[in-house]
Amino acid sequence: MAKIRKTASIEKGIEEVVRILNEEEIQQAIGKSASYLRKCSDPDQPQQIDHNDSFKLDKACLLKGNAPPLLSAYEFMISQEFEKLDPDKTKNINDMLVKFTILHGKLTEVITKAHDPEGDKGPDISPLEKKEINAAITELENKILKLKKAVDLKKI
């Protein structure tokens, strides 16, 4: 029976890498097998992934057009530590979803303005517009991490 990994844990990130990359891509990225990664993804095993391997695997996932699962796991774990300083921020999922919707709207607005023919560089995206888009994406990613944590903390 498959083991359930905690949401956004290192083990879950590795599990996602194994889903995204095939055996050859894993071997090419870190010089190790998918079997090695499966052992690293087992929370009951002592085997742990090397930080440099994590980076290389995330890079391989990016090159394949996927989000970096291990980076997301690290960000989530760090956000959990920040939330310990103020745990009330994760209590109301509905409020978080409203804020998420607002941030999504902001991202959509920034991208739409950047493509506007009357913008800084017309339909091309200027460096300033790219900076604004990246900032909006980062805000949305941070809200997603908080939402993941809030969902993970809820009792089923």
N, C-alpha and C. Protein backbone atom coordinates (compact mmCIF):
# COMPACT_ATOMS: atom_id res chain seq x y z
N MET A 1 0.84 -1.18 0.00
CA MET A 1 0.00 0.00 0.00
C MET A 1 0.88 1.25 0.00
N ALA A 2 0.51 2.23 -0.80
CA ALA A 2 1.27 3.46 -0.91
C ALA A 2 1.20 4.24 0.40
N LYS A 3 2.32 4.86 0.73
CA LYS A 3 2.37 5.69 1.93
C LYS A 3 1.90 7.09 1.59
N ILE A 4 1.17 7.68 2.50
CA ILE A 4 0.70 9.05 2.34
C ILE A 4 1.76 9.98 2.92
N ARG A 5 2.21 10.91 2.09
CA ARG A 5 3.19 11.90 2.54
C ARG A 5 2.47 13.17 2.95
N LYS A 6 3.04 13.89 3.92
CA LYS A 6 2.46 15.16 4.33
C LYS A 6 2.49 16.13 3.15
N THR A 7 1.46 16.93 3.05
CA THR A 7 1.39 17.94 1.99
C THR A 7 2.60 18.85 2.06
N ALA A 8 3.21 19.09 0.91
CA ALA A 8 4.34 20.01 0.78
C ALA A 8 5.51 19.66 1.69
N SER A 9 5.73 18.38 1.95
CA SER A 9 6.93 17.94 2.67
C SER A 9 8.01 17.62 1.64
N ILE A 10 9.23 17.48 2.10
CA ILE A 10 10.32 17.08 1.20
C ILE A 10 9.95 15.76 0.53
N GLU A 11 9.42 14.84 1.31
CA GLU A 11 9.05 13.52 0.78
C GLU A 11 8.00 13.65 -0.32
N LYS A 12 7.02 14.53 -0.13
CA LYS A 12 5.98 14.76 -1.13
C LYS A 12 6.59 15.42 -2.37
N GLY A 13 7.53 16.33 -2.16
CA GLY A 13 8.22 16.97 -3.28
C GLY A 13 8.98 15.95 -4.12
N ILE A 14 9.66 15.03 -3.46
CA ILE A 14 10.40 13.99 -4.17
C ILE A 14 9.43 13.08 -4.92
N GLU A 15 8.33 12.75 -4.27
CA GLU A 15 7.30 11.92 -4.92
C GLU A 15 6.82 12.61 -6.21
N GLU A 16 6.64 13.91 -6.16
CA GLU A 16 6.20 14.68 -7.32
C GLU A 16 7.28 14.68 -8.41
N VAL A 17 8.54 14.78 -8.02
CA VAL A 17 9.65 14.74 -8.99
C VAL A 17 9.62 13.41 -9.74
N VAL A 18 9.43 12.32 -9.01
CA VAL A 18 9.40 10.99 -9.62
C VAL A 18 8.22 10.87 -10.58
N ARG A 19 7.14 11.57 -10.29
CA ARG A 19 5.98 11.56 -11.18
C ARG A 19 6.27 12.36 -12.45
N ILE A 20 7.00 13.47 -12.31
CA ILE A 20 7.26 14.37 -13.44
C ILE A 20 8.36 13.84 -14.36
N LEU A 21 9.45 13.39 -13.74
CA LEU A 21 10.62 12.97 -14.52
C LEU A 21 10.65 11.46 -14.70
N ASN A 22 11.09 11.01 -15.86
CA ASN A 22 11.24 9.57 -16.05
C ASN A 22 12.62 9.13 -15.56
N GLU A 23 12.85 7.85 -15.57
CA GLU A 23 14.09 7.26 -15.05
C GLU A 23 15.33 7.91 -15.70
N GLU A 24 15.29 8.05 -17.01
CA GLU A 24 16.43 8.61 -17.74
C GLU A 24 16.69 10.07 -17.35
N GLU A 25 15.63 10.84 -17.21
CA GLU A 25 15.77 12.25 -16.84
C GLU A 25 16.33 12.40 -15.42
N ILE A 26 15.92 11.53 -14.53
CA ILE A 26 16.44 11.55 -13.16
C ILE A 26 17.92 11.21 -13.18
N GLN A 27 18.25 10.15 -13.91
CA GLN A 27 19.65 9.71 -14.02
C GLN A 27 20.52 10.83 -14.60
N GLN A 28 20.00 11.48 -15.63
CA GLN A 28 20.74 12.56 -16.28
C GLN A 28 20.93 13.76 -15.34
N ALA A 29 19.92 14.05 -14.55
CA ALA A 29 19.97 15.22 -13.67
C ALA A 29 20.92 15.03 -12.49
N ILE A 30 20.85 13.86 -11.83
CA ILE A 30 21.64 13.70 -10.59
C ILE A 30 22.56 12.48 -10.59
N GLY A 31 22.51 11.67 -11.65
CA GLY A 31 23.37 10.50 -11.72
C GLY A 31 22.94 9.38 -10.78
N LYS A 32 21.68 9.40 -10.38
CA LYS A 32 21.12 8.38 -9.48
C LYS A 32 19.80 7.90 -10.05
N SER A 33 19.33 6.78 -9.56
CA SER A 33 18.12 6.16 -10.11
C SER A 33 16.84 6.69 -9.45
N ALA A 34 15.74 6.39 -10.10
CA ALA A 34 14.43 6.72 -9.53
C ALA A 34 14.21 5.91 -8.26
N SER A 35 14.78 4.73 -8.20
CA SER A 35 14.68 3.89 -7.00
C SER A 35 15.30 4.60 -5.80
N TYR A 36 16.44 5.23 -6.02
CA TYR A 36 17.09 6.01 -4.97
C TYR A 36 16.14 7.11 -4.47
N LEU A 37 15.49 7.80 -5.42
CA LEU A 37 14.57 8.88 -5.02
C LEU A 37 13.37 8.34 -4.27
N ARG A 38 12.86 7.21 -4.69
CA ARG A 38 11.72 6.62 -3.97
C ARG A 38 12.11 6.30 -2.52
N LYS A 39 13.35 5.86 -2.32
CA LYS A 39 13.82 5.59 -0.95
C LYS A 39 13.90 6.91 -0.16
N CYS A 40 14.36 7.96 -0.83
CA CYS A 40 14.45 9.27 -0.17
C CYS A 40 13.06 9.82 0.15
N SER A 41 12.05 9.43 -0.63
CA SER A 41 10.71 9.95 -0.40
C SER A 41 9.95 9.19 0.68
N ASP A 42 10.54 8.11 1.17
CA ASP A 42 9.90 7.32 2.21
C ASP A 42 10.28 7.90 3.57
N PRO A 43 9.32 8.50 4.29
CA PRO A 43 9.64 9.12 5.57
C PRO A 43 10.10 8.12 6.63
N ASP A 44 9.88 6.83 6.39
CA ASP A 44 10.30 5.80 7.35
C ASP A 44 11.72 5.29 7.09
N GLN A 45 12.33 5.75 6.00
CA GLN A 45 13.69 5.33 5.66
C GLN A 45 14.70 6.40 6.09
N PRO A 46 15.91 6.00 6.43
CA PRO A 46 16.91 6.99 6.85
C PRO A 46 17.51 7.77 5.67
N GLN A 47 17.32 7.28 4.45
CA GLN A 47 17.91 7.91 3.27
C GLN A 47 17.31 9.29 3.05
N GLN A 48 18.19 10.28 2.86
CA GLN A 48 17.72 11.65 2.62
C GLN A 48 18.40 12.20 1.38
N ILE A 49 17.70 13.10 0.72
CA ILE A 49 18.21 13.68 -0.52
C ILE A 49 19.21 14.79 -0.21
N ASP A 50 20.22 14.90 -1.04
CA ASP A 50 21.23 15.94 -0.93
C ASP A 50 20.66 17.25 -1.50
N HIS A 51 21.02 18.35 -0.89
CA HIS A 51 20.49 19.65 -1.33
C HIS A 51 20.85 19.93 -2.79
N ASN A 52 22.07 19.62 -3.19
CA ASN A 52 22.47 19.84 -4.59
C ASN A 52 21.63 19.01 -5.55
N ASP A 53 21.31 17.78 -5.15
CA ASP A 53 20.44 16.94 -5.98
C ASP A 53 19.04 17.54 -6.06
N SER A 54 18.56 18.10 -4.96
CA SER A 54 17.24 18.75 -4.97
C SER A 54 17.19 19.86 -6.01
N PHE A 55 18.23 20.67 -6.00
CA PHE A 55 18.30 21.78 -6.96
C PHE A 55 18.30 21.25 -8.39
N LYS A 56 19.12 20.25 -8.65
CA LYS A 56 19.22 19.70 -10.01
C LYS A 56 17.89 19.10 -10.47
N LEU A 57 17.20 18.44 -9.56
CA LEU A 57 15.91 17.84 -9.91
C LEU A 57 14.86 18.92 -10.18
N ASP A 58 14.84 19.97 -9.35
CA ASP A 58 13.91 21.08 -9.59
C ASP A 58 14.21 21.74 -10.94
N LYS A 59 15.49 21.89 -11.25
CA LYS A 59 15.88 22.48 -12.52
C LYS A 59 15.38 21.61 -13.68
N ALA A 60 15.54 20.29 -13.57
CA ALA A 60 15.06 19.38 -14.61
C ALA A 60 13.54 19.49 -14.76
N CYS A 61 12.83 19.65 -13.65
CA CYS A 61 11.37 19.82 -13.72
C CYS A 61 11.02 21.13 -14.42
N LEU A 62 11.76 22.20 -14.12
CA LEU A 62 11.53 23.49 -14.77
C LEU A 62 11.74 23.37 -16.27
N LEU A 63 12.82 22.69 -16.67
CA LEU A 63 13.12 22.53 -18.09
C LEU A 63 12.03 21.74 -18.80
N LYS A 64 11.33 20.94 -18.06
CA LYS A 64 10.23 20.14 -18.62
C LYS A 64 8.91 20.91 -18.57
N GLY A 65 8.94 22.15 -18.05
CA GLY A 65 7.74 22.99 -18.03
C GLY A 65 6.88 22.83 -16.79
N ASN A 66 7.46 22.27 -15.72
CA ASN A 66 6.71 22.07 -14.48
C ASN A 66 7.27 22.97 -13.38
N ALA A 67 6.45 23.25 -12.38
CA ALA A 67 6.91 24.01 -11.22
C ALA A 67 7.91 23.16 -10.43
N PRO A 68 8.84 23.79 -9.73
CA PRO A 68 9.84 23.05 -8.95
C PRO A 68 9.26 22.50 -7.65
N PRO A 69 8.96 21.20 -7.57
CA PRO A 69 8.27 20.66 -6.41
C PRO A 69 9.07 20.74 -5.10
N LEU A 70 10.37 20.60 -5.17
CA LEU A 70 11.16 20.64 -3.94
C LEU A 70 11.28 22.07 -3.41
N LEU A 71 11.41 23.03 -4.30
CA LEU A 71 11.43 24.43 -3.87
C LEU A 71 10.11 24.78 -3.21
N SER A 72 9.01 24.33 -3.79
CA SER A 72 7.70 24.59 -3.19
C SER A 72 7.61 23.99 -1.80
N ALA A 73 8.17 22.79 -1.64
CA ALA A 73 8.16 22.14 -0.32
C ALA A 73 8.97 22.95 0.69
N TYR A 74 10.15 23.42 0.28
CA TYR A 74 10.98 24.22 1.19
C TYR A 74 10.25 25.51 1.58
N GLU A 75 9.65 26.17 0.58
CA GLU A 75 8.92 27.41 0.86
C GLU A 75 7.79 27.16 1.85
N PHE A 76 7.07 26.07 1.65
CA PHE A 76 5.97 25.73 2.54
C PHE A 76 6.49 25.51 3.96
N MET A 77 7.57 24.76 4.09
CA MET A 77 8.12 24.46 5.42
C MET A 77 8.57 25.74 6.12
N ILE A 78 9.19 26.65 5.37
CA ILE A 78 9.61 27.93 5.95
C ILE A 78 8.39 28.75 6.34
N SER A 79 7.36 28.73 5.50
CA SER A 79 6.15 29.49 5.84
C SER A 79 5.51 28.94 7.11
N GLN A 80 5.60 27.62 7.33
CA GLN A 80 5.07 27.04 8.56
C GLN A 80 5.81 27.61 9.78
N GLU A 81 7.11 27.78 9.65
CA GLU A 81 7.89 28.34 10.76
C GLU A 81 7.47 29.78 11.02
N PHE A 82 7.22 30.55 9.96
CA PHE A 82 6.75 31.92 10.14
C PHE A 82 5.37 31.94 10.78
N GLU A 83 4.52 31.02 10.38
CA GLU A 83 3.17 30.97 10.92
C GLU A 83 3.16 30.63 12.41
N LYS A 84 4.18 29.92 12.86
CA LYS A 84 4.25 29.61 14.29
C LYS A 84 4.37 30.91 15.11
N LEU A 85 4.90 31.93 14.46
CA LEU A 85 5.01 33.22 15.13
C LEU A 85 3.63 33.89 15.25
N ASP A 86 2.72 33.58 14.31
CA ASP A 86 1.37 34.15 14.32
C ASP A 86 0.39 33.12 13.74
N PRO A 87 0.03 32.09 14.51
CA PRO A 87 -0.79 31.00 13.99
C PRO A 87 -2.22 31.39 13.63
N ASP A 88 -2.71 32.52 14.09
CA ASP A 88 -4.08 32.93 13.78
C ASP A 88 -4.28 33.22 12.30
N LYS A 89 -3.19 33.46 11.57
CA LYS A 89 -3.29 33.79 10.16
C LYS A 89 -3.82 32.63 9.32
N THR A 90 -3.74 31.40 9.81
CA THR A 90 -4.13 30.26 9.00
C THR A 90 -5.48 29.68 9.39
N LYS A 91 -6.20 30.31 10.29
CA LYS A 91 -7.42 29.71 10.81
C LYS A 91 -8.60 29.77 9.85
N ASN A 92 -8.80 30.84 9.12
CA ASN A 92 -9.99 30.98 8.33
C ASN A 92 -9.70 30.79 6.84
N ILE A 93 -10.03 29.62 6.34
CA ILE A 93 -9.78 29.30 4.94
C ILE A 93 -10.61 30.18 4.01
N ASN A 94 -11.83 30.50 4.39
CA ASN A 94 -12.67 31.36 3.55
C ASN A 94 -12.04 32.72 3.32
N ASP A 95 -11.50 33.32 4.38
CA ASP A 95 -10.81 34.61 4.24
C ASP A 95 -9.62 34.47 3.31
N MET A 96 -8.91 33.36 3.45
CA MET A 96 -7.74 33.13 2.60
C MET A 96 -8.15 33.00 1.13
N LEU A 97 -9.26 32.34 0.87
CA LEU A 97 -9.74 32.19 -0.50
C LEU A 97 -10.15 33.53 -1.10
N VAL A 98 -10.74 34.39 -0.28
CA VAL A 98 -11.10 35.73 -0.75
C VAL A 98 -9.82 36.50 -1.12
N LYS A 99 -8.83 36.45 -0.25
CA LYS A 99 -7.56 37.14 -0.53
C LYS A 99 -6.89 36.55 -1.76
N PHE A 100 -6.98 35.22 -1.91
CA PHE A 100 -6.42 34.55 -3.08
C PHE A 100 -7.08 35.08 -4.35
N THR A 101 -8.40 35.22 -4.32
CA THR A 101 -9.15 35.71 -5.48
C THR A 101 -8.74 37.14 -5.82
N ILE A 102 -8.55 37.95 -4.79
CA ILE A 102 -8.11 39.34 -5.00
C ILE A 102 -6.74 39.37 -5.65
N LEU A 103 -5.82 38.54 -5.14
CA LEU A 103 -4.46 38.50 -5.70
C LEU A 103 -4.47 37.96 -7.13
N HIS A 104 -5.32 36.99 -7.40
CA HIS A 104 -5.44 36.48 -8.77
C HIS A 104 -5.94 37.59 -9.69
N GLY A 105 -6.92 38.36 -9.22
CA GLY A 105 -7.43 39.48 -10.00
C GLY A 105 -6.34 40.52 -10.26
N LYS A 106 -5.53 40.77 -9.25
CA LYS A 106 -4.43 41.73 -9.40
C LYS A 106 -3.44 41.24 -10.45
N LEU A 107 -3.10 39.96 -10.41
CA LEU A 107 -2.18 39.38 -11.40
C LEU A 107 -2.77 39.51 -12.80
N THR A 108 -4.04 39.19 -12.94
CA THR A 108 -4.70 39.29 -14.25
C THR A 108 -4.67 40.72 -14.75
N GLU A 109 -4.93 41.66 -13.86
CA GLU A 109 -4.93 43.08 -14.24
C GLU A 109 -3.53 43.53 -14.69
N VAL A 110 -2.50 43.14 -13.96
CA VAL A 110 -1.13 43.53 -14.30
C VAL A 110 -0.74 42.96 -15.67
N ILE A 111 -1.09 41.71 -15.92
CA ILE A 111 -0.75 41.08 -17.20
C ILE A 111 -1.53 41.74 -18.33
N THR A 112 -2.80 42.02 -18.10
CA THR A 112 -3.63 42.66 -19.13
C THR A 112 -3.07 44.04 -19.47
N LYS A 113 -2.70 44.81 -18.46
CA LYS A 113 -2.12 46.13 -18.70
C LYS A 113 -0.80 46.02 -19.47
N ALA A 114 -0.01 45.00 -19.16
CA ALA A 114 1.28 44.82 -19.82
C ALA A 114 1.11 44.53 -21.31
N HIS A 115 0.03 43.86 -21.67
CA HIS A 115 -0.23 43.53 -23.07
C HIS A 115 -0.98 44.63 -23.81
N ASP A 116 -1.42 45.64 -23.10
CA ASP A 116 -2.17 46.73 -23.70
C ASP A 116 -1.29 47.47 -24.71
N PRO A 117 -1.78 47.68 -25.92
CA PRO A 117 -1.00 48.39 -26.93
C PRO A 117 -0.61 49.81 -26.50
N GLU A 118 -1.31 50.36 -25.51
CA GLU A 118 -0.99 51.71 -25.04
C GLU A 118 -0.10 51.69 -23.81
N GLY A 119 0.44 50.51 -23.45
CA GLY A 119 1.32 50.38 -22.29
C GLY A 119 2.72 50.89 -22.60
N ASP A 120 3.66 50.67 -21.65
CA ASP A 120 5.04 51.15 -21.77
C ASP A 120 5.67 50.83 -23.12
N LYS A 121 5.58 49.57 -23.53
CA LYS A 121 6.21 49.14 -24.79
C LYS A 121 5.18 48.58 -25.76
N GLY A 122 3.96 49.08 -25.67
CA GLY A 122 2.90 48.56 -26.52
C GLY A 122 2.57 47.13 -26.11
N PRO A 123 2.39 46.24 -27.08
CA PRO A 123 2.04 44.86 -26.74
C PRO A 123 3.21 44.06 -26.14
N ASP A 124 4.43 44.58 -26.28
CA ASP A 124 5.59 43.93 -25.66
C ASP A 124 5.64 44.29 -24.18
N ILE A 125 6.24 43.43 -23.39
CA ILE A 125 6.29 43.64 -21.94
C ILE A 125 7.61 44.31 -21.57
N SER A 126 7.52 45.47 -20.91
CA SER A 126 8.71 46.21 -20.50
C SER A 126 9.32 45.58 -19.26
N PRO A 127 10.58 45.90 -18.97
CA PRO A 127 11.21 45.38 -17.74
C PRO A 127 10.44 45.76 -16.48
N LEU A 128 9.89 46.97 -16.43
CA LEU A 128 9.10 47.38 -15.27
C LEU A 128 7.82 46.54 -15.16
N GLU A 129 7.18 46.29 -16.29
CA GLU A 129 5.98 45.47 -16.28
C GLU A 129 6.30 44.02 -15.86
N LYS A 130 7.44 43.51 -16.31
CA LYS A 130 7.86 42.16 -15.90
C LYS A 130 8.06 42.11 -14.40
N LYS A 131 8.65 43.18 -13.85
CA LYS A 131 8.87 43.24 -12.40
C LYS A 131 7.54 43.23 -11.67
N GLU A 132 6.57 43.99 -12.15
CA GLU A 132 5.24 44.04 -11.53
C GLU A 132 4.53 42.69 -11.64
N ILE A 133 4.65 42.03 -12.78
CA ILE A 133 4.04 40.71 -12.97
C ILE A 133 4.67 39.70 -12.01
N ASN A 134 5.99 39.71 -11.93
CA ASN A 134 6.68 38.77 -11.02
C ASN A 134 6.30 39.03 -9.56
N ALA A 135 6.14 40.29 -9.19
CA ALA A 135 5.73 40.60 -7.82
C ALA A 135 4.32 40.07 -7.55
N ALA A 136 3.42 40.23 -8.52
CA ALA A 136 2.05 39.73 -8.35
C ALA A 136 2.03 38.21 -8.28
N ILE A 137 2.86 37.57 -9.07
CA ILE A 137 2.95 36.09 -9.04
C ILE A 137 3.46 35.64 -7.68
N THR A 138 4.49 36.31 -7.16
CA THR A 138 5.06 35.95 -5.86
C THR A 138 4.02 36.10 -4.76
N GLU A 139 3.23 37.18 -4.79
CA GLU A 139 2.18 37.36 -3.79
C GLU A 139 1.17 36.22 -3.86
N LEU A 140 0.81 35.83 -5.07
CA LEU A 140 -0.15 34.74 -5.25
C LEU A 140 0.45 33.41 -4.79
N GLU A 141 1.72 33.16 -5.09
CA GLU A 141 2.38 31.94 -4.63
C GLU A 141 2.43 31.88 -3.11
N ASN A 142 2.71 33.00 -2.48
CA ASN A 142 2.74 33.02 -1.01
C ASN A 142 1.37 32.70 -0.43
N LYS A 143 0.32 33.22 -1.05
CA LYS A 143 -1.04 32.93 -0.58
C LYS A 143 -1.36 31.45 -0.78
N ILE A 144 -0.91 30.86 -1.89
CA ILE A 144 -1.13 29.43 -2.13
C ILE A 144 -0.45 28.61 -1.05
N LEU A 145 0.77 28.98 -0.68
CA LEU A 145 1.48 28.25 0.38
C LEU A 145 0.72 28.33 1.71
N LYS A 146 0.20 29.51 2.02
CA LYS A 146 -0.57 29.66 3.26
C LYS A 146 -1.86 28.84 3.21
N LEU A 147 -2.46 28.81 2.04
CA LEU A 147 -3.68 28.02 1.88
C LEU A 147 -3.38 26.53 2.04
N LYS A 148 -2.28 26.08 1.47
CA LYS A 148 -1.88 24.67 1.64
C LYS A 148 -1.69 24.34 3.11
N LYS A 149 -1.06 25.25 3.83
CA LYS A 149 -0.83 25.00 5.24
C LYS A 149 -2.15 24.94 6.01
N ALA A 150 -3.04 25.86 5.70
CA ALA A 150 -4.33 25.89 6.39
C ALA A 150 -5.11 24.60 6.13
N VAL A 151 -5.07 24.12 4.91
CA VAL A 151 -5.76 22.88 4.57
C VAL A 151 -5.09 21.70 5.26
N ASP A 152 -3.78 21.70 5.30
CA ASP A 152 -3.02 20.62 5.95
C ASP A 152 -3.31 20.56 7.44
N LEU A 153 -3.55 21.71 8.07
CA LEU A 153 -3.80 21.75 9.51
C LEU A 153 -5.22 21.34 9.89
N LYS A 154 -6.14 21.38 8.93
CA LYS A 154 -7.54 21.04 9.23
C LYS A 154 -7.67 19.54 9.45
N LYS A 155 -8.42 19.17 10.43
CA LYS A 155 -8.69 17.76 10.74
C LYS A 155 -9.72 17.24 9.76
N ILE A 156 -9.50 16.05 9.28
CA ILE A 156 -10.44 15.44 8.32
C ILE A 156 -11.34 14.48 9.05
